[in-house]
Amino acid sequence: MGHCEMLLAVAGLDQKAIIERTERLAAGDWSGFSPAERVAFLFARKQAKDPASITAQDMRELAYHFGTARALDVLWWACRCHYMTRVADAFQLPLESENVFEDPTPDKGKK
């Protein structure tokens, strides 16, 4: 889940929200997510397991929930993530130990 956690951190989620979200995703019970999110998750899982099985109906389902432009965003981003995961796995690249996109300045409220 390292890649997912990094992307969630880049999206602005704090550590507590990342843990909660990844636990919900990993549990397989996606009923707490919106219908659009569930469609996107199912699409990404189908694409990861068997990319050749993606059909025009899968794209229509994404477009129904996200609109055409955002459906293409989902498709592109899922393709990119699957590609990068396969490249990282092939070269056995380690994940970063910390969020490289995080603001390096310390919290002013913490001491």
N, C-alpha and C. Protein backbone atom coordinates (compact mmCIF):
# COMPACT_ATOMS: atom_id res chain seq x y z
N MET A 1 0.81 -1.21 0.00
CA MET A 1 0.00 0.00 0.00
C MET A 1 0.85 1.26 0.00
N GLY A 2 2.14 1.16 -0.01
CA GLY A 2 3.01 2.31 0.06
C GLY A 2 2.73 3.36 -1.00
N HIS A 3 2.53 2.94 -2.24
CA HIS A 3 2.26 3.91 -3.30
C HIS A 3 0.94 4.63 -3.05
N CYS A 4 -0.06 3.90 -2.61
CA CYS A 4 -1.36 4.52 -2.33
C CYS A 4 -1.23 5.54 -1.20
N GLU A 5 -0.51 5.17 -0.16
CA GLU A 5 -0.34 6.09 0.96
C GLU A 5 0.36 7.37 0.52
N MET A 6 1.38 7.24 -0.32
CA MET A 6 2.09 8.41 -0.79
C MET A 6 1.15 9.32 -1.59
N LEU A 7 0.36 8.73 -2.48
CA LEU A 7 -0.56 9.53 -3.29
C LEU A 7 -1.62 10.21 -2.42
N LEU A 8 -2.09 9.52 -1.40
CA LEU A 8 -3.07 10.13 -0.49
C LEU A 8 -2.44 11.29 0.28
N ALA A 9 -1.18 11.14 0.67
CA ALA A 9 -0.48 12.23 1.35
C ALA A 9 -0.30 13.42 0.42
N VAL A 10 0.05 13.15 -0.82
CA VAL A 10 0.20 14.22 -1.80
C VAL A 10 -1.14 14.93 -2.01
N ALA A 11 -2.23 14.18 -1.93
CA ALA A 11 -3.57 14.76 -2.09
C ALA A 11 -3.98 15.58 -0.87
N GLY A 12 -3.19 15.52 0.22
CA GLY A 12 -3.46 16.38 1.36
C GLY A 12 -4.03 15.69 2.59
N LEU A 13 -4.17 14.36 2.55
CA LEU A 13 -4.68 13.67 3.72
C LEU A 13 -3.60 13.57 4.79
N ASP A 14 -4.00 13.71 6.05
CA ASP A 14 -3.04 13.54 7.14
C ASP A 14 -2.88 12.05 7.44
N GLN A 15 -1.93 11.71 8.29
CA GLN A 15 -1.61 10.30 8.55
C GLN A 15 -2.81 9.51 9.06
N LYS A 16 -3.59 10.12 9.96
CA LYS A 16 -4.77 9.43 10.50
C LYS A 16 -5.78 9.12 9.38
N ALA A 17 -6.03 10.09 8.51
CA ALA A 17 -6.97 9.89 7.40
C ALA A 17 -6.45 8.85 6.41
N ILE A 18 -5.14 8.84 6.19
CA ILE A 18 -4.54 7.85 5.29
C ILE A 18 -4.74 6.45 5.83
N ILE A 19 -4.46 6.25 7.10
CA ILE A 19 -4.62 4.94 7.72
C ILE A 19 -6.07 4.48 7.64
N GLU A 20 -7.00 5.37 7.98
CA GLU A 20 -8.42 5.02 7.95
C GLU A 20 -8.86 4.64 6.54
N ARG A 21 -8.46 5.43 5.56
CA ARG A 21 -8.89 5.19 4.18
C ARG A 21 -8.29 3.90 3.63
N THR A 22 -7.00 3.66 3.86
CA THR A 22 -6.38 2.45 3.33
C THR A 22 -6.94 1.20 4.01
N GLU A 23 -7.27 1.30 5.28
CA GLU A 23 -7.90 0.16 5.97
C GLU A 23 -9.26 -0.15 5.36
N ARG A 24 -10.04 0.90 5.07
CA ARG A 24 -11.36 0.70 4.46
C ARG A 24 -11.22 0.10 3.06
N LEU A 25 -10.25 0.59 2.29
CA LEU A 25 -10.03 0.06 0.94
C LEU A 25 -9.59 -1.40 0.99
N ALA A 26 -8.65 -1.71 1.87
CA ALA A 26 -8.10 -3.06 1.95
C ALA A 26 -9.12 -4.07 2.47
N ALA A 27 -10.05 -3.61 3.28
CA ALA A 27 -11.06 -4.52 3.85
C ALA A 27 -11.99 -5.08 2.79
N GLY A 28 -12.10 -4.39 1.66
CA GLY A 28 -12.96 -4.88 0.58
C GLY A 28 -14.42 -4.50 0.71
N ASP A 29 -14.82 -3.91 1.82
CA ASP A 29 -16.19 -3.43 1.97
C ASP A 29 -16.19 -1.96 1.62
N TRP A 30 -16.56 -1.67 0.38
CA TRP A 30 -16.51 -0.31 -0.10
C TRP A 30 -17.87 0.39 0.01
N SER A 31 -18.79 -0.18 0.79
CA SER A 31 -20.13 0.39 0.88
C SER A 31 -20.14 1.80 1.46
N GLY A 32 -19.12 2.17 2.22
CA GLY A 32 -19.05 3.51 2.79
C GLY A 32 -18.56 4.56 1.81
N PHE A 33 -18.15 4.15 0.63
CA PHE A 33 -17.68 5.08 -0.38
C PHE A 33 -18.84 5.44 -1.32
N SER A 34 -18.71 6.55 -2.00
CA SER A 34 -19.76 6.98 -2.93
C SER A 34 -19.85 6.01 -4.11
N PRO A 35 -21.00 5.98 -4.79
CA PRO A 35 -21.12 5.12 -5.98
C PRO A 35 -20.03 5.40 -7.01
N ALA A 36 -19.70 6.67 -7.22
CA ALA A 36 -18.66 7.01 -8.20
C ALA A 36 -17.31 6.44 -7.77
N GLU A 37 -16.98 6.56 -6.48
CA GLU A 37 -15.72 6.01 -5.99
C GLU A 37 -15.68 4.49 -6.17
N ARG A 38 -16.80 3.83 -5.87
CA ARG A 38 -16.84 2.37 -6.03
C ARG A 38 -16.64 1.96 -7.49
N VAL A 39 -17.24 2.70 -8.41
CA VAL A 39 -17.05 2.41 -9.84
C VAL A 39 -15.58 2.57 -10.21
N ALA A 40 -14.95 3.64 -9.73
CA ALA A 40 -13.54 3.87 -10.03
C ALA A 40 -12.66 2.78 -9.42
N PHE A 41 -12.96 2.36 -8.19
CA PHE A 41 -12.17 1.31 -7.55
C PHE A 41 -12.30 -0.01 -8.32
N LEU A 42 -13.54 -0.34 -8.70
CA LEU A 42 -13.76 -1.58 -9.46
C LEU A 42 -13.05 -1.54 -10.81
N PHE A 43 -13.09 -0.38 -11.45
CA PHE A 43 -12.40 -0.22 -12.73
C PHE A 43 -10.90 -0.43 -12.55
N ALA A 44 -10.32 0.22 -11.55
CA ALA A 44 -8.88 0.10 -11.32
C ALA A 44 -8.48 -1.33 -10.98
N ARG A 45 -9.30 -2.00 -10.18
CA ARG A 45 -9.00 -3.40 -9.84
C ARG A 45 -9.09 -4.29 -11.07
N LYS A 46 -10.13 -4.09 -11.89
CA LYS A 46 -10.27 -4.88 -13.11
C LYS A 46 -9.09 -4.63 -14.04
N GLN A 47 -8.70 -3.37 -14.18
CA GLN A 47 -7.59 -3.03 -15.05
C GLN A 47 -6.28 -3.63 -14.53
N ALA A 48 -6.09 -3.65 -13.23
CA ALA A 48 -4.86 -4.22 -12.66
C ALA A 48 -4.77 -5.72 -12.89
N LYS A 49 -5.91 -6.39 -12.76
CA LYS A 49 -5.91 -7.86 -12.89
C LYS A 49 -5.87 -8.33 -14.34
N ASP A 50 -6.60 -7.62 -15.22
CA ASP A 50 -6.68 -8.05 -16.62
C ASP A 50 -6.96 -6.84 -17.51
N PRO A 51 -5.94 -6.08 -17.84
CA PRO A 51 -6.15 -4.84 -18.61
C PRO A 51 -6.92 -5.04 -19.91
N ALA A 52 -6.73 -6.18 -20.56
CA ALA A 52 -7.41 -6.44 -21.83
C ALA A 52 -8.92 -6.64 -21.65
N SER A 53 -9.36 -6.81 -20.42
CA SER A 53 -10.79 -7.05 -20.19
C SER A 53 -11.60 -5.75 -20.11
N ILE A 54 -10.95 -4.60 -20.11
CA ILE A 54 -11.67 -3.33 -20.06
C ILE A 54 -12.48 -3.16 -21.34
N THR A 55 -13.75 -2.81 -21.17
CA THR A 55 -14.66 -2.70 -22.30
C THR A 55 -15.18 -1.27 -22.44
N ALA A 56 -15.86 -1.03 -23.53
CA ALA A 56 -16.51 0.26 -23.73
C ALA A 56 -17.55 0.51 -22.64
N GLN A 57 -18.20 -0.54 -22.19
CA GLN A 57 -19.19 -0.40 -21.11
C GLN A 57 -18.53 0.09 -19.83
N ASP A 58 -17.32 -0.39 -19.54
CA ASP A 58 -16.59 0.09 -18.36
C ASP A 58 -16.36 1.59 -18.46
N MET A 59 -15.98 2.05 -19.65
CA MET A 59 -15.75 3.48 -19.86
C MET A 59 -17.05 4.27 -19.78
N ARG A 60 -18.14 3.71 -20.30
CA ARG A 60 -19.44 4.38 -20.20
C ARG A 60 -19.86 4.53 -18.74
N GLU A 61 -19.58 3.51 -17.95
CA GLU A 61 -19.92 3.55 -16.52
C GLU A 61 -19.11 4.66 -15.82
N LEU A 62 -17.85 4.77 -16.13
CA LEU A 62 -17.04 5.85 -15.57
C LEU A 62 -17.59 7.21 -16.02
N ALA A 63 -17.89 7.34 -17.31
CA ALA A 63 -18.40 8.60 -17.84
C ALA A 63 -19.74 8.98 -17.20
N TYR A 64 -20.57 7.99 -16.92
CA TYR A 64 -21.86 8.24 -16.27
C TYR A 64 -21.64 8.90 -14.91
N HIS A 65 -20.66 8.41 -14.15
CA HIS A 65 -20.43 8.92 -12.79
C HIS A 65 -19.51 10.15 -12.75
N PHE A 66 -18.61 10.27 -13.70
CA PHE A 66 -17.61 11.34 -13.63
C PHE A 66 -17.69 12.36 -14.77
N GLY A 67 -18.44 12.07 -15.82
CA GLY A 67 -18.39 12.90 -17.02
C GLY A 67 -17.25 12.40 -17.89
N THR A 68 -17.27 12.76 -19.16
CA THR A 68 -16.29 12.23 -20.10
C THR A 68 -14.86 12.62 -19.74
N ALA A 69 -14.62 13.90 -19.47
CA ALA A 69 -13.25 14.35 -19.19
C ALA A 69 -12.70 13.70 -17.93
N ARG A 70 -13.49 13.65 -16.87
CA ARG A 70 -13.01 13.05 -15.62
C ARG A 70 -12.86 11.54 -15.76
N ALA A 71 -13.70 10.89 -16.58
CA ALA A 71 -13.55 9.45 -16.83
C ALA A 71 -12.20 9.18 -17.49
N LEU A 72 -11.82 10.05 -18.41
CA LEU A 72 -10.50 9.91 -19.03
C LEU A 72 -9.39 10.14 -18.01
N ASP A 73 -9.62 11.04 -17.07
CA ASP A 73 -8.65 11.24 -15.98
C ASP A 73 -8.48 9.95 -15.16
N VAL A 74 -9.61 9.32 -14.83
CA VAL A 74 -9.55 8.06 -14.07
C VAL A 74 -8.77 7.01 -14.86
N LEU A 75 -9.10 6.88 -16.15
CA LEU A 75 -8.40 5.91 -17.01
C LEU A 75 -6.91 6.21 -17.06
N TRP A 76 -6.56 7.46 -17.34
CA TRP A 76 -5.15 7.83 -17.46
C TRP A 76 -4.39 7.60 -16.16
N TRP A 77 -4.97 8.03 -15.05
CA TRP A 77 -4.29 7.93 -13.76
C TRP A 77 -4.15 6.47 -13.35
N ALA A 78 -5.17 5.66 -13.58
CA ALA A 78 -5.06 4.24 -13.27
C ALA A 78 -3.97 3.58 -14.12
N CYS A 79 -3.93 3.92 -15.40
CA CYS A 79 -2.87 3.39 -16.28
C CYS A 79 -1.50 3.80 -15.77
N ARG A 80 -1.35 5.05 -15.43
CA ARG A 80 -0.06 5.55 -14.95
C ARG A 80 0.36 4.84 -13.66
N CYS A 81 -0.56 4.73 -12.73
CA CYS A 81 -0.22 4.07 -11.45
C CYS A 81 0.14 2.61 -11.65
N HIS A 82 -0.62 1.91 -12.47
CA HIS A 82 -0.29 0.50 -12.72
C HIS A 82 1.06 0.36 -13.41
N TYR A 83 1.34 1.23 -14.36
CA TYR A 83 2.62 1.21 -15.05
C TYR A 83 3.77 1.46 -14.06
N MET A 84 3.64 2.52 -13.25
CA MET A 84 4.70 2.87 -12.32
C MET A 84 4.92 1.77 -11.28
N THR A 85 3.86 1.14 -10.83
CA THR A 85 4.00 0.04 -9.89
C THR A 85 4.76 -1.12 -10.52
N ARG A 86 4.43 -1.42 -11.76
CA ARG A 86 5.13 -2.52 -12.45
C ARG A 86 6.60 -2.20 -12.68
N VAL A 87 6.90 -0.95 -13.03
CA VAL A 87 8.30 -0.55 -13.21
C VAL A 87 9.05 -0.63 -11.88
N ALA A 88 8.45 -0.09 -10.82
CA ALA A 88 9.09 -0.12 -9.51
C ALA A 88 9.30 -1.56 -9.04
N ASP A 89 8.31 -2.40 -9.26
CA ASP A 89 8.45 -3.81 -8.87
C ASP A 89 9.53 -4.51 -9.69
N ALA A 90 9.57 -4.23 -10.98
CA ALA A 90 10.55 -4.88 -11.85
C ALA A 90 11.98 -4.53 -11.46
N PHE A 91 12.18 -3.26 -11.09
CA PHE A 91 13.52 -2.82 -10.71
C PHE A 91 13.75 -2.90 -9.20
N GLN A 92 12.75 -3.38 -8.48
CA GLN A 92 12.80 -3.52 -7.02
C GLN A 92 13.18 -2.20 -6.36
N LEU A 93 12.53 -1.13 -6.81
CA LEU A 93 12.79 0.20 -6.25
C LEU A 93 12.09 0.33 -4.90
N PRO A 94 12.79 0.80 -3.89
CA PRO A 94 12.14 0.96 -2.57
C PRO A 94 11.27 2.21 -2.56
N LEU A 95 10.27 2.19 -1.70
CA LEU A 95 9.44 3.37 -1.51
C LEU A 95 10.20 4.38 -0.66
N GLU A 96 9.84 5.64 -0.80
CA GLU A 96 10.44 6.65 0.05
C GLU A 96 10.04 6.40 1.50
N SER A 97 10.93 6.69 2.42
CA SER A 97 10.62 6.46 3.83
C SER A 97 9.74 7.57 4.40
N GLU A 98 9.65 8.69 3.71
CA GLU A 98 8.79 9.78 4.16
C GLU A 98 8.16 10.45 2.94
N ASN A 99 7.17 11.28 3.19
CA ASN A 99 6.48 11.99 2.12
C ASN A 99 7.39 13.09 1.58
N VAL A 100 7.93 12.88 0.39
CA VAL A 100 8.87 13.84 -0.18
C VAL A 100 8.18 15.12 -0.62
N PHE A 101 6.86 15.14 -0.65
CA PHE A 101 6.11 16.32 -1.05
C PHE A 101 5.67 17.15 0.14
N GLU A 102 5.91 16.66 1.34
CA GLU A 102 5.48 17.36 2.54
C GLU A 102 6.31 18.62 2.76
N ASP A 103 5.68 19.64 3.30
CA ASP A 103 6.38 20.89 3.59
C ASP A 103 7.47 20.61 4.62
N PRO A 104 8.73 20.93 4.30
CA PRO A 104 9.82 20.60 5.22
C PRO A 104 9.90 21.49 6.44
N THR A 105 9.16 22.61 6.48
CA THR A 105 9.21 23.47 7.64
C THR A 105 8.43 22.87 8.79
N PRO A 106 8.97 22.91 9.99
CA PRO A 106 8.26 22.31 11.15
C PRO A 106 6.99 23.08 11.46
N ASP A 107 6.06 22.35 12.07
CA ASP A 107 4.80 22.99 12.53
C ASP A 107 5.13 24.03 13.57
N LYS A 108 4.60 25.24 13.41
CA LYS A 108 4.88 26.31 14.37
C LYS A 108 4.20 26.07 15.70
N GLY A 109 3.10 25.30 15.69
CA GLY A 109 2.37 25.03 16.92
C GLY A 109 2.97 23.91 17.74
N LYS A 110 3.88 23.14 17.19
CA LYS A 110 4.49 22.02 17.90
C LYS A 110 5.89 22.38 18.36
N LYS A 111 6.27 21.88 19.48
CA LYS A 111 7.63 22.13 19.99
C LYS A 111 8.29 20.85 20.37
